[in-house]
Amino acid sequence: MKIWPLIASIAFVTSVHAQTPYAGMQGRSIKALSDQQIADLNAGRGMGLALAAELNGYPGPSHVLELADKLNLTADQRASMQRLFDAMKDEAMPLGSKLIEQEAELDRQFASRTVTPESLKASTAAVAATQGILRETHLKYHLSTGSILTPAQMTKYAELRGYGGGHKRQHHH
């Protein structure tokens, strides 16, 4: 029976693939960012940057607007939430673009073999600073969202998002 060489070949290929999780990423325009991450950054999307807020009972304006009908938002609440969302995007989009540029510059330094310890330190510090500002931007809009919703809407939001029966504490500011 000649099945064993086939099984061995499959096992080898699977093993090699499992040991190279970055295979294929070398073709990315910016190695550290996927096309989806670049699109998300350009569009001002949160990309999980506000999970500390979201998963602790501080909804974000984007998801609240998506669930507006199910949350029975009033016209005033919708308008307030839309203003928050628009302000968040206006703030996050330029930061996302800046982060993409900084990651591209770091990538260029490595690709051209011009990176130095000094340029590496400066580039990674710049990336970290922008990431921090971007994260704070998304988090602060989650913080603001809670003051627009009622306690019942906060509980309903948690249920709709699959977080169980809501959060024990309501967050109004």
Protein backbone atom coordinates (compact mmCIF):
# COMPACT_ATOMS: atom_id res chain seq x y z
CA MET A 1 0.00 0.00 0.00
CA LYS A 2 1.40 3.39 -1.00
CA ILE A 3 -0.69 5.58 1.26
CA TRP A 4 2.05 6.09 3.85
CA PRO A 5 4.20 8.35 1.64
CA LEU A 6 1.09 10.49 1.01
CA ILE A 7 0.29 10.68 4.71
CA ALA A 8 3.90 11.56 5.48
CA SER A 9 3.86 14.31 2.85
CA ILE A 10 0.62 15.78 4.21
CA ALA A 11 1.98 15.66 7.76
CA PHE A 12 5.18 17.39 6.65
CA VAL A 13 3.36 20.17 4.77
CA THR A 14 0.98 20.68 7.68
CA SER A 15 3.89 20.77 10.11
CA VAL A 16 5.85 23.27 8.03
CA HIS A 17 2.79 25.50 7.62
CA ALA A 18 2.10 25.38 11.37
CA GLN A 19 5.69 26.47 12.05
CA THR A 20 5.47 29.47 9.71
CA PRO A 21 2.47 31.54 10.79
CA TYR A 22 3.79 34.59 8.91
CA ALA A 23 4.13 32.84 5.55
CA GLY A 24 2.54 34.99 2.87
CA MET A 25 2.73 38.20 4.89
CA GLN A 26 6.02 39.17 3.27
CA GLY A 27 4.02 40.32 0.24
CA ARG A 28 2.07 42.92 2.19
CA SER A 29 2.67 46.55 1.31
CA ILE A 30 3.19 47.25 5.03
CA LYS A 31 4.32 44.05 6.67
CA ALA A 32 2.87 44.82 10.12
CA LEU A 33 -0.62 45.68 8.81
CA SER A 34 -3.10 43.55 6.89
CA ASP A 35 -5.22 45.06 4.13
CA GLN A 36 -8.20 44.84 6.51
CA GLN A 37 -6.32 46.70 9.26
CA ILE A 38 -5.33 49.42 6.80
CA ALA A 39 -8.95 49.76 5.64
CA ASP A 40 -10.16 49.88 9.26
CA LEU A 41 -7.62 52.53 10.21
CA ASN A 42 -8.50 54.64 7.18
CA ALA A 43 -12.21 54.37 8.00
CA GLY A 44 -11.77 55.26 11.67
CA ARG A 45 -13.02 51.89 12.92
CA GLY A 46 -12.13 50.77 16.43
CA MET A 47 -10.50 47.41 15.65
CA GLY A 48 -10.95 46.28 19.25
CA LEU A 49 -9.11 49.29 20.66
CA ALA A 50 -12.00 50.03 23.01
CA LEU A 51 -12.57 46.53 24.40
CA ALA A 52 -11.73 47.72 27.92
CA ALA A 53 -14.77 49.97 27.71
CA GLU A 54 -17.06 47.80 25.59
CA LEU A 55 -16.70 44.68 27.73
CA ASN A 56 -17.09 46.61 30.98
CA GLY A 57 -20.44 48.17 30.17
CA TYR A 58 -19.50 51.28 28.19
CA PRO A 59 -21.11 50.96 24.75
CA GLY A 60 -19.66 52.70 21.74
CA PRO A 61 -21.56 55.04 19.44
CA SER A 62 -21.11 52.85 16.36
CA HIS A 63 -22.73 49.77 17.88
CA VAL A 64 -25.44 51.82 19.59
CA LEU A 65 -26.39 53.32 16.22
CA GLU A 66 -26.43 49.83 14.67
CA LEU A 67 -28.86 48.75 17.40
CA ALA A 68 -30.82 52.03 17.55
CA ASP A 69 -34.21 50.50 16.72
CA LYS A 70 -33.82 47.59 19.12
CA LEU A 71 -32.71 50.00 21.85
CA ASN A 72 -35.69 52.28 21.14
CA LEU A 73 -33.51 55.36 20.91
CA THR A 74 -35.39 58.62 20.89
CA ALA A 75 -34.82 61.12 18.09
CA ASP A 76 -32.68 63.21 20.46
CA GLN A 77 -30.64 60.17 21.48
CA ARG A 78 -30.10 59.20 17.84
CA ALA A 79 -28.97 62.72 16.99
CA SER A 80 -26.63 62.84 19.99
CA MET A 81 -25.22 59.41 19.18
CA GLN A 82 -24.70 60.37 15.54
CA ARG A 83 -22.82 63.52 16.64
CA LEU A 84 -20.59 61.40 18.87
CA PHE A 85 -19.98 58.89 16.10
CA ASP A 86 -19.16 61.62 13.57
CA ALA A 87 -16.80 63.34 16.01
CA MET A 88 -15.09 60.04 16.78
CA LYS A 89 -14.56 59.30 13.08
CA ASP A 90 -13.33 62.84 12.42
CA GLU A 91 -10.77 62.38 15.16
CA ALA A 92 -9.84 58.74 14.49
CA MET A 93 -9.42 58.84 10.72
CA PRO A 94 -6.44 61.22 10.64
CA LEU A 95 -4.84 59.25 13.49
CA GLY A 96 -5.35 56.04 11.54
CA SER A 97 -3.73 57.59 8.48
CA LYS A 98 -0.83 58.80 10.60
CA LEU A 99 -0.36 55.32 12.06
CA ILE A 100 -0.35 53.77 8.59
CA GLU A 101 2.30 56.27 7.48
CA GLN A 102 4.42 55.56 10.56
CA GLU A 103 4.18 51.79 10.06
CA ALA A 104 5.06 52.24 6.38
CA GLU A 105 8.12 54.27 7.33
CA LEU A 106 9.27 51.63 9.81
CA ASP A 107 8.71 48.97 7.15
CA ARG A 108 10.72 51.01 4.61
CA GLN A 109 13.63 51.30 7.04
CA PHE A 110 13.80 47.55 7.44
CA ALA A 111 13.21 46.83 3.74
CA SER A 112 15.97 49.22 2.68
CA ARG A 113 18.28 48.02 5.43
CA THR A 114 18.69 51.61 6.66
CA VAL A 115 17.24 51.05 10.13
CA THR A 116 19.52 52.01 12.99
CA PRO A 117 19.06 51.64 16.74
CA GLU A 118 18.27 55.37 16.88
CA SER A 119 15.78 55.35 14.00
CA LEU A 120 14.19 52.19 15.40
CA LYS A 121 13.70 53.82 18.79
CA ALA A 122 12.25 56.98 17.25
CA SER A 123 9.95 55.09 14.87
CA THR A 124 8.57 52.67 17.45
CA ALA A 125 8.04 55.51 19.94
CA ALA A 126 6.10 57.44 17.29
CA VAL A 127 3.98 54.38 16.43
CA ALA A 128 3.29 53.73 20.12
CA ALA A 129 2.30 57.35 20.76
CA THR A 130 -0.12 57.37 17.84
CA GLN A 131 -1.57 54.00 18.87
CA GLY A 132 -2.10 55.35 22.38
CA ILE A 133 -3.84 58.49 21.15
CA LEU A 134 -6.00 56.45 18.77
CA ARG A 135 -7.00 54.06 21.53
CA GLU A 136 -7.79 56.91 23.90
CA THR A 137 -9.92 58.48 21.17
CA HIS A 138 -12.07 55.38 20.81
CA LEU A 139 -12.29 54.83 24.56
CA LYS A 140 -13.39 58.40 25.33
CA TYR A 141 -16.32 58.10 22.95
CA HIS A 142 -17.40 54.92 24.71
CA LEU A 143 -17.22 56.90 27.95
CA SER A 144 -19.44 59.63 26.49
CA THR A 145 -22.01 57.21 25.09
CA GLY A 146 -23.16 56.00 28.50
CA SER A 147 -24.48 59.41 29.48
CA ILE A 148 -26.92 59.36 26.55
CA LEU A 149 -28.53 55.98 27.25
CA THR A 150 -30.96 55.08 30.01
CA PRO A 151 -30.10 52.27 32.45
CA ALA A 152 -32.64 50.03 30.68
CA GLN A 153 -31.03 50.76 27.31
CA MET A 154 -27.60 49.98 28.75
CA THR A 155 -28.88 46.60 29.97
CA LYS A 156 -30.60 45.91 26.65
CA TYR A 157 -27.42 46.84 24.77
CA ALA A 158 -25.41 44.32 26.80
CA GLU A 159 -27.99 41.64 26.09
CA LEU A 160 -28.10 42.42 22.36
CA ARG A 161 -24.32 42.30 22.14
CA GLY A 162 -24.30 38.89 23.82
CA TYR A 163 -22.81 39.96 27.12
CA GLY A 164 -25.44 38.21 29.19
CA GLY A 165 -27.94 39.93 31.42
CA GLY A 166 -26.16 43.23 31.36
CA HIS A 167 -23.71 44.78 33.74
CA LYS A 168 -24.18 45.12 37.45
CA ARG A 169 -23.26 48.78 37.48
CA GLN A 170 -24.74 51.42 35.25
CA HIS A 171 -22.38 54.09 33.99
CA HIS A 172 -23.87 57.54 33.74
CA HIS A 173 -21.70 60.61 33.73
